[in-house]
Amino acid sequence: MTEDVVKDAETSSRLKAAVEHHQRGELEDAEAAYRAILELEPAHPMATANLATLAHQTDRNELALSLLETGISAHPDHAILRLNLGEIYRQLGRLDEAIRSLTAAAQALPNQAQARIALGRAYNSRGAMAKHAQQHQAALDDFREAACADDENAAAHYNLGTCLKDAGQLGEAEQ
């Protein structure tokens, strides 16, 4: 039991240092620190998520997808892994996969606007590409839920307004 507490504290400290490198733009140091954590704990979900984010930021999308898919295999209910995977799929235009992953993240995080916004963006992208009204409605629903969940979330309101404008609902978009 004591060993687990010490190991958790050590991992927490290493993760904090890795995140600080990442936030300062010291990407090589951050990557090395995330990889060191994963050598000790290959299935650590936050080290996996953050290393995948770093890989995506440096245009290594296949590595990012592989890391996240491996992480989800070990932690199928980890919402942050699913959220990150869905966002990368969306940015790569793999919208069906994005929607599946982001739906799981939004269901696991019902009160977090970020997951609903990401899902709405994916539906909006698919709707815009397919000119499909049903997809626009799904995006509107997700943006509305995100705005209701966090009334002060500017991104939720911006995306809702943009989607309403795209759907030709200018009166509601202006509100």
Protein backbone atom coordinates (compact mmCIF):
# COMPACT_ATOMS: atom_id res chain seq x y z
CA MET A 1 0.00 0.00 0.00
CA THR A 2 2.75 2.46 0.95
CA GLU A 3 4.62 1.67 -2.29
CA ASP A 4 1.52 2.58 -4.30
CA VAL A 5 1.20 5.94 -2.53
CA VAL A 6 4.88 6.72 -3.15
CA LYS A 7 4.59 5.62 -6.78
CA ASP A 8 1.46 7.78 -7.28
CA ALA A 9 3.19 10.81 -5.72
CA GLU A 10 6.25 10.27 -7.90
CA THR A 11 4.15 9.89 -11.04
CA SER A 12 2.14 12.98 -10.12
CA SER A 13 5.33 14.98 -9.68
CA ARG A 14 6.72 13.73 -13.01
CA LEU A 15 3.47 14.53 -14.79
CA LYS A 16 3.40 18.04 -13.33
CA ALA A 17 6.97 18.64 -14.54
CA ALA A 18 6.12 17.28 -18.01
CA VAL A 19 3.07 19.54 -18.27
CA GLU A 20 5.14 22.54 -17.20
CA HIS A 21 7.70 21.78 -19.96
CA HIS A 22 4.83 21.42 -22.43
CA GLN A 23 3.23 24.72 -21.38
CA ARG A 24 6.57 26.53 -21.71
CA GLY A 25 6.98 25.17 -25.24
CA GLU A 26 9.88 22.90 -24.26
CA LEU A 27 8.47 20.12 -26.38
CA GLU A 28 11.49 17.80 -26.46
CA ASP A 29 11.75 17.91 -22.67
CA ALA A 30 8.00 17.42 -22.32
CA GLU A 31 8.01 14.46 -24.68
CA ALA A 32 10.91 12.85 -22.84
CA ALA A 33 9.13 13.35 -19.52
CA TYR A 34 5.82 11.89 -20.80
CA ARG A 35 7.69 8.91 -22.26
CA ALA A 36 9.51 8.35 -18.95
CA ILE A 37 6.15 8.14 -17.17
CA LEU A 38 4.85 5.72 -19.79
CA GLU A 39 7.92 3.51 -19.37
CA LEU A 40 7.03 3.15 -15.68
CA GLU A 41 3.25 3.03 -16.21
CA PRO A 42 2.50 2.14 -19.85
CA ALA A 43 -1.23 2.75 -19.45
CA HIS A 44 -1.09 6.09 -17.60
CA PRO A 45 -4.05 7.94 -19.17
CA MET A 46 -2.97 11.56 -18.67
CA ALA A 47 0.62 10.97 -19.81
CA THR A 48 -0.86 9.22 -22.85
CA ALA A 49 -3.33 12.03 -23.55
CA ASN A 50 -0.71 14.74 -23.16
CA LEU A 51 1.90 12.95 -25.27
CA ALA A 52 -0.73 12.45 -27.97
CA THR A 53 -1.58 16.16 -27.83
CA LEU A 54 2.10 17.00 -28.21
CA ALA A 55 2.41 14.59 -31.14
CA HIS A 56 -0.60 16.22 -32.81
CA GLN A 57 0.83 19.70 -32.19
CA THR A 58 4.00 18.63 -33.99
CA ASP A 59 2.11 17.13 -36.96
CA ARG A 60 2.69 13.52 -35.97
CA ASN A 61 -0.97 12.64 -36.25
CA GLU A 62 -0.55 8.91 -36.77
CA LEU A 63 1.48 8.70 -33.56
CA ALA A 64 -1.17 10.76 -31.74
CA LEU A 65 -3.96 8.47 -32.97
CA SER A 66 -1.99 5.34 -32.08
CA LEU A 67 -1.26 6.61 -28.56
CA LEU A 68 -4.90 7.53 -27.94
CA GLU A 69 -6.27 4.29 -29.37
CA THR A 70 -3.84 2.32 -27.17
CA GLY A 71 -4.83 4.43 -24.18
CA ILE A 72 -8.51 3.82 -24.82
CA SER A 73 -7.87 0.08 -25.09
CA ALA A 74 -6.48 0.20 -21.55
CA HIS A 75 -9.03 2.76 -20.26
CA PRO A 76 -12.19 2.45 -22.40
CA ASP A 77 -14.19 4.83 -20.20
CA HIS A 78 -11.57 7.58 -19.93
CA ALA A 79 -13.38 10.64 -21.26
CA ILE A 80 -10.30 12.84 -21.82
CA LEU A 81 -8.70 10.20 -24.05
CA ARG A 82 -11.92 9.95 -26.06
CA LEU A 83 -12.26 13.74 -26.24
CA ASN A 84 -8.71 14.15 -27.54
CA LEU A 85 -9.13 11.29 -30.02
CA GLY A 86 -12.37 12.78 -31.31
CA GLU A 87 -10.82 16.23 -31.71
CA ILE A 88 -7.91 14.84 -33.74
CA TYR A 89 -10.26 12.76 -35.90
CA ARG A 90 -12.36 15.91 -36.49
CA GLN A 91 -9.35 17.98 -37.47
CA LEU A 92 -8.26 15.24 -39.87
CA GLY A 93 -11.73 15.15 -41.46
CA ARG A 94 -12.54 11.66 -40.14
CA LEU A 95 -15.92 12.88 -38.97
CA ASP A 96 -17.78 9.62 -38.34
CA GLU A 97 -14.97 8.43 -36.08
CA ALA A 98 -14.84 11.86 -34.43
CA ILE A 99 -18.56 11.80 -33.69
CA ARG A 100 -18.38 8.30 -32.18
CA SER A 101 -15.50 9.24 -29.90
CA LEU A 102 -16.88 12.66 -28.97
CA THR A 103 -20.33 11.21 -28.24
CA ALA A 104 -18.73 8.85 -25.72
CA ALA A 105 -16.79 11.76 -24.19
CA ALA A 106 -19.89 13.97 -23.97
CA GLN A 107 -21.88 11.18 -22.32
CA ALA A 108 -19.10 10.64 -19.77
CA LEU A 109 -18.79 14.39 -19.14
CA PRO A 110 -22.42 15.59 -19.25
CA ASN A 111 -21.73 18.87 -17.43
CA GLN A 112 -18.59 19.82 -19.32
CA ALA A 113 -19.16 22.26 -22.16
CA GLN A 114 -15.89 21.38 -23.93
CA ALA A 115 -17.07 17.89 -24.88
CA ARG A 116 -20.43 19.18 -26.18
CA ILE A 117 -18.72 21.96 -28.14
CA ALA A 118 -16.33 19.47 -29.75
CA LEU A 119 -19.22 17.17 -30.64
CA GLY A 120 -21.19 20.08 -32.07
CA ARG A 121 -18.21 21.11 -34.20
CA ALA A 122 -17.92 17.58 -35.57
CA TYR A 123 -21.63 17.47 -36.45
CA ASN A 124 -21.41 20.95 -37.93
CA SER A 125 -18.42 19.92 -40.08
CA ARG A 126 -20.21 16.81 -41.28
CA GLY A 127 -23.38 18.78 -41.93
CA ALA A 128 -21.49 21.46 -43.84
CA MET A 129 -19.71 18.84 -45.91
CA ALA A 130 -22.87 16.86 -46.61
CA LYS A 131 -25.30 19.81 -46.61
CA HIS A 132 -27.39 17.66 -44.30
CA ALA A 133 -30.00 19.39 -42.13
CA GLN A 134 -30.10 16.58 -39.57
CA GLN A 135 -26.39 17.05 -38.84
CA HIS A 136 -26.87 20.80 -38.43
CA GLN A 137 -29.69 20.13 -35.98
CA ALA A 138 -27.47 17.76 -33.98
CA ALA A 139 -24.76 20.44 -33.91
CA LEU A 140 -27.29 23.06 -32.78
CA ASP A 141 -28.51 20.76 -30.02
CA ASP A 142 -24.96 20.17 -28.77
CA PHE A 143 -24.07 23.86 -28.87
CA ARG A 144 -27.28 24.74 -27.02
CA GLU A 145 -26.53 22.13 -24.33
CA ALA A 146 -22.98 23.43 -23.99
CA ALA A 147 -24.22 27.02 -23.65
CA CYS A 148 -26.78 25.97 -21.03
CA ALA A 149 -24.22 23.91 -19.10
CA ASP A 150 -21.89 26.91 -18.87
CA ASP A 151 -23.63 30.21 -19.58
CA GLU A 152 -20.34 32.12 -19.50
CA ASN A 153 -18.56 29.88 -22.02
CA ALA A 154 -17.83 32.19 -24.95
CA ALA A 155 -16.87 29.32 -27.26
CA ALA A 156 -20.23 27.63 -26.74
CA HIS A 157 -22.13 30.82 -27.55
CA TYR A 158 -19.91 31.67 -30.52
CA ASN A 159 -20.31 28.19 -32.03
CA LEU A 160 -24.07 28.27 -31.41
CA GLY A 161 -24.36 31.65 -33.14
CA THR A 162 -22.24 30.53 -36.08
CA CYS A 163 -24.23 27.34 -36.52
CA LEU A 164 -27.52 29.24 -36.31
CA LYS A 165 -26.25 31.71 -38.93
CA ASP A 166 -25.20 28.81 -41.20
CA ALA A 167 -28.66 27.30 -40.77
CA GLY A 168 -30.26 30.59 -41.83
CA GLN A 169 -31.68 31.33 -38.38
CA LEU A 170 -30.30 34.87 -38.23
CA GLY A 171 -32.80 36.21 -35.68
CA GLU A 172 -31.86 33.60 -33.12
CA ALA A 173 -28.16 33.90 -34.00
CA GLU A 174 -28.19 37.61 -33.14
CA GLN A 175 -29.42 36.87 -29.63
